[in-house]
Amino acid sequence: MMLAVLLLVILCVTVSSAADCPAGCSCLSPADAKAKGYDSCSEKLILCGYDGAKNPMYCYKPGLTVAFHTVTMIPVTTTAPPASCPQGCDCLSDANAQAQYGTSYTR
């Protein structure tokens, strides 16, 4: 009889120490929470129950979701606008200037 009373007291203490999880939180084992990427619902773990093997379970919430975007860099080649030639000059390559003026051209 004394053993039955003792077991009843232990059961009542265990049930009364378990808490309901806050909104948005789930009662999970630490291993399940880690596997799902969940974080504790508060700074201190909140005991919410026990699994079938009498292991404690705590309140956890989904962790932050971080989205990554891939950015593709496309090289862009820019050319400087052609410089304008001073008045009285023509803009020619060396080969064209030599073909047109021979060796008498100057830059």
C-alpha atoms as a PDB file:
ATOM      1  CA  MET A   1       0.000   0.000   0.000  1.00  0.00           C
ATOM      2  CA  MET A   2       2.789   2.393   0.891  1.00  0.00           C
ATOM      3  CA  LEU A   3       4.485   1.581  -2.422  1.00  0.00           C
ATOM      4  CA  ALA A   4       1.276   2.409  -4.324  1.00  0.00           C
ATOM      5  CA  VAL A   5       1.029   5.790  -2.581  1.00  0.00           C
ATOM      6  CA  LEU A   6       4.684   6.520  -3.332  1.00  0.00           C
ATOM      7  CA  LEU A   7       4.212   5.673  -7.030  1.00  0.00           C
ATOM      8  CA  LEU A   8       1.099   7.870  -7.158  1.00  0.00           C
ATOM      9  CA  VAL A   9       3.014  10.801  -5.633  1.00  0.00           C
ATOM     10  CA  ILE A  10       5.886  10.358  -8.106  1.00  0.00           C
ATOM     11  CA  LEU A  11       3.441  10.186 -11.006  1.00  0.00           C
ATOM     12  CA  CYS A  12       1.624  13.332  -9.848  1.00  0.00           C
ATOM     13  CA  VAL A  13       4.887  15.259  -9.430  1.00  0.00           C
ATOM     14  CA  THR A  14       6.029  14.168 -12.895  1.00  0.00           C
ATOM     15  CA  VAL A  15       2.744  15.171 -14.535  1.00  0.00           C
ATOM     16  CA  SER A  16       2.541  18.475 -12.662  1.00  0.00           C
ATOM     17  CA  SER A  17       6.112  19.435 -13.631  1.00  0.00           C
ATOM     18  CA  ALA A  18       5.340  18.979 -17.321  1.00  0.00           C
ATOM     19  CA  ALA A  19       4.134  22.184 -18.977  1.00  0.00           C
ATOM     20  CA  ASP A  20       2.170  22.953 -22.102  1.00  0.00           C
ATOM     21  CA  CYS A  21       4.286  24.546 -24.806  1.00  0.00           C
ATOM     22  CA  PRO A  22       3.631  28.174 -25.797  1.00  0.00           C
ATOM     23  CA  ALA A  23       1.835  28.849 -29.083  1.00  0.00           C
ATOM     24  CA  GLY A  24       4.025  28.040 -32.073  1.00  0.00           C
ATOM     25  CA  CYS A  25       6.130  25.565 -30.112  1.00  0.00           C
ATOM     26  CA  SER A  26       6.140  21.761 -30.129  1.00  0.00           C
ATOM     27  CA  CYS A  27       7.018  19.203 -27.471  1.00  0.00           C
ATOM     28  CA  LEU A  28      10.052  17.295 -28.806  1.00  0.00           C
ATOM     29  CA  SER A  29      13.057  15.366 -27.626  1.00  0.00           C
ATOM     30  CA  PRO A  30      16.336  17.266 -27.931  1.00  0.00           C
ATOM     31  CA  ALA A  31      17.459  14.869 -30.700  1.00  0.00           C
ATOM     32  CA  ASP A  32      14.266  15.414 -32.736  1.00  0.00           C
ATOM     33  CA  ALA A  33      14.510  19.185 -32.286  1.00  0.00           C
ATOM     34  CA  LYS A  34      18.122  19.197 -33.461  1.00  0.00           C
ATOM     35  CA  ALA A  35      17.281  17.017 -36.488  1.00  0.00           C
ATOM     36  CA  LYS A  36      14.507  19.441 -37.496  1.00  0.00           C
ATOM     37  CA  GLY A  37      16.648  22.544 -36.893  1.00  0.00           C
ATOM     38  CA  TYR A  38      14.365  23.761 -34.079  1.00  0.00           C
ATOM     39  CA  ASP A  39      15.399  26.183 -31.323  1.00  0.00           C
ATOM     40  CA  SER A  40      14.322  26.325 -27.688  1.00  0.00           C
ATOM     41  CA  CYS A  41      11.121  28.332 -27.114  1.00  0.00           C
ATOM     42  CA  SER A  42      12.806  30.289 -24.330  1.00  0.00           C
ATOM     43  CA  GLU A  43      16.233  30.860 -22.804  1.00  0.00           C
ATOM     44  CA  LYS A  44      15.571  28.027 -20.349  1.00  0.00           C
ATOM     45  CA  LEU A  45      14.252  24.697 -21.639  1.00  0.00           C
ATOM     46  CA  ILE A  46      10.580  24.111 -20.776  1.00  0.00           C
ATOM     47  CA  LEU A  47       9.836  20.512 -19.787  1.00  0.00           C
ATOM     48  CA  CYS A  48       6.617  19.473 -21.536  1.00  0.00           C
ATOM     49  CA  GLY A  49       6.507  15.690 -21.133  1.00  0.00           C
ATOM     50  CA  TYR A  50       8.266  12.379 -21.538  1.00  0.00           C
ATOM     51  CA  ASP A  51       8.503   9.938 -24.427  1.00  0.00           C
ATOM     52  CA  GLY A  52       7.676   6.219 -24.185  1.00  0.00           C
ATOM     53  CA  ALA A  53      11.121   5.471 -22.742  1.00  0.00           C
ATOM     54  CA  LYS A  54      10.637   8.153 -20.028  1.00  0.00           C
ATOM     55  CA  ASN A  55      13.130  10.517 -21.670  1.00  0.00           C
ATOM     56  CA  PRO A  56      12.317  14.206 -21.098  1.00  0.00           C
ATOM     57  CA  MET A  57      10.836  16.277 -23.910  1.00  0.00           C
ATOM     58  CA  TYR A  58      11.015  20.068 -24.147  1.00  0.00           C
ATOM     59  CA  CYS A  59       9.304  22.932 -25.974  1.00  0.00           C
ATOM     60  CA  TYR A  60      10.931  23.887 -29.266  1.00  0.00           C
ATOM     61  CA  LYS A  61      10.022  26.224 -32.127  1.00  0.00           C
ATOM     62  CA  PRO A  62      11.068  26.160 -35.778  1.00  0.00           C
ATOM     63  CA  GLY A  63      14.460  27.801 -36.278  1.00  0.00           C
ATOM     64  CA  LEU A  64      15.060  30.761 -38.520  1.00  0.00           C
ATOM     65  CA  THR A  65      14.883  30.058 -42.211  1.00  0.00           C
ATOM     66  CA  VAL A  66      17.631  31.667 -44.218  1.00  0.00           C
ATOM     67  CA  ALA A  67      17.146  31.980 -47.948  1.00  0.00           C
ATOM     68  CA  PHE A  68      20.125  32.141 -50.237  1.00  0.00           C
ATOM     69  CA  HIS A  69      19.965  33.561 -53.711  1.00  0.00           C
ATOM     70  CA  THR A  70      22.465  32.749 -56.401  1.00  0.00           C
ATOM     71  CA  VAL A  71      23.795  35.711 -58.304  1.00  0.00           C
ATOM     72  CA  THR A  72      25.466  35.148 -61.627  1.00  0.00           C
ATOM     73  CA  MET A  73      28.080  37.710 -62.519  1.00  0.00           C
ATOM     74  CA  ILE A  74      28.291  38.514 -66.200  1.00  0.00           C
ATOM     75  CA  PRO A  75      31.453  40.327 -67.255  1.00  0.00           C
ATOM     76  CA  VAL A  76      30.701  43.487 -69.146  1.00  0.00           C
ATOM     77  CA  THR A  77      33.280  44.943 -71.475  1.00  0.00           C
ATOM     78  CA  THR A  78      33.104  48.659 -71.879  1.00  0.00           C
ATOM     79  CA  THR A  79      35.056  50.767 -74.264  1.00  0.00           C
ATOM     80  CA  ALA A  80      35.858  54.372 -73.740  1.00  0.00           C
ATOM     81  CA  PRO A  81      34.206  56.678 -76.208  1.00  0.00           C
ATOM     82  CA  PRO A  82      36.583  57.506 -79.046  1.00  0.00           C
ATOM     83  CA  ALA A  83      38.647  60.559 -78.348  1.00  0.00           C
ATOM     84  CA  SER A  84      37.967  63.357 -80.729  1.00  0.00           C
ATOM     85  CA  CYS A  85      40.862  64.482 -82.859  1.00  0.00           C
ATOM     86  CA  PRO A  86      42.031  68.073 -82.735  1.00  0.00           C
ATOM     87  CA  GLN A  87      40.849  70.292 -85.549  1.00  0.00           C
ATOM     88  CA  GLY A  88      42.768  69.696 -88.761  1.00  0.00           C
ATOM     89  CA  CYS A  89      43.538  66.058 -87.922  1.00  0.00           C
ATOM     90  CA  ASP A  90      41.977  62.775 -88.979  1.00  0.00           C
ATOM     91  CA  CYS A  91      41.467  59.808 -86.710  1.00  0.00           C
ATOM     92  CA  LEU A  92      43.289  56.913 -88.406  1.00  0.00           C
ATOM     93  CA  SER A  93      45.139  53.810 -87.345  1.00  0.00           C
ATOM     94  CA  ASP A  94      48.911  53.813 -87.997  1.00  0.00           C
ATOM     95  CA  ALA A  95      48.424  51.358 -90.860  1.00  0.00           C
ATOM     96  CA  ASN A  96      45.716  53.493 -92.509  1.00  0.00           C
ATOM     97  CA  ALA A  97      47.698  56.689 -92.003  1.00  0.00           C
ATOM     98  CA  GLN A  98      50.778  55.140 -93.620  1.00  0.00           C
ATOM     99  CA  ALA A  99      48.681  53.779 -96.499  1.00  0.00           C
ATOM    100  CA  GLN A 100      47.067  57.164 -97.088  1.00  0.00           C
ATOM    101  CA  TYR A 101      49.990  59.529 -96.401  1.00  0.00           C
ATOM    102  CA  GLY A 102      53.056  57.312 -96.674  1.00  0.00           C
ATOM    103  CA  THR A 103      55.847  58.199 -94.294  1.00  0.00           C
ATOM    104  CA  SER A 104      54.943  61.892 -94.207  1.00  0.00           C
ATOM    105  CA  TYR A 105      52.231  61.615 -91.563  1.00  0.00           C
ATOM    106  CA  THR A 106      52.651  62.709 -87.958  1.00  0.00           C
ATOM    107  CA  ARG A 107      50.579  61.992 -84.948  1.00  0.00           C
END
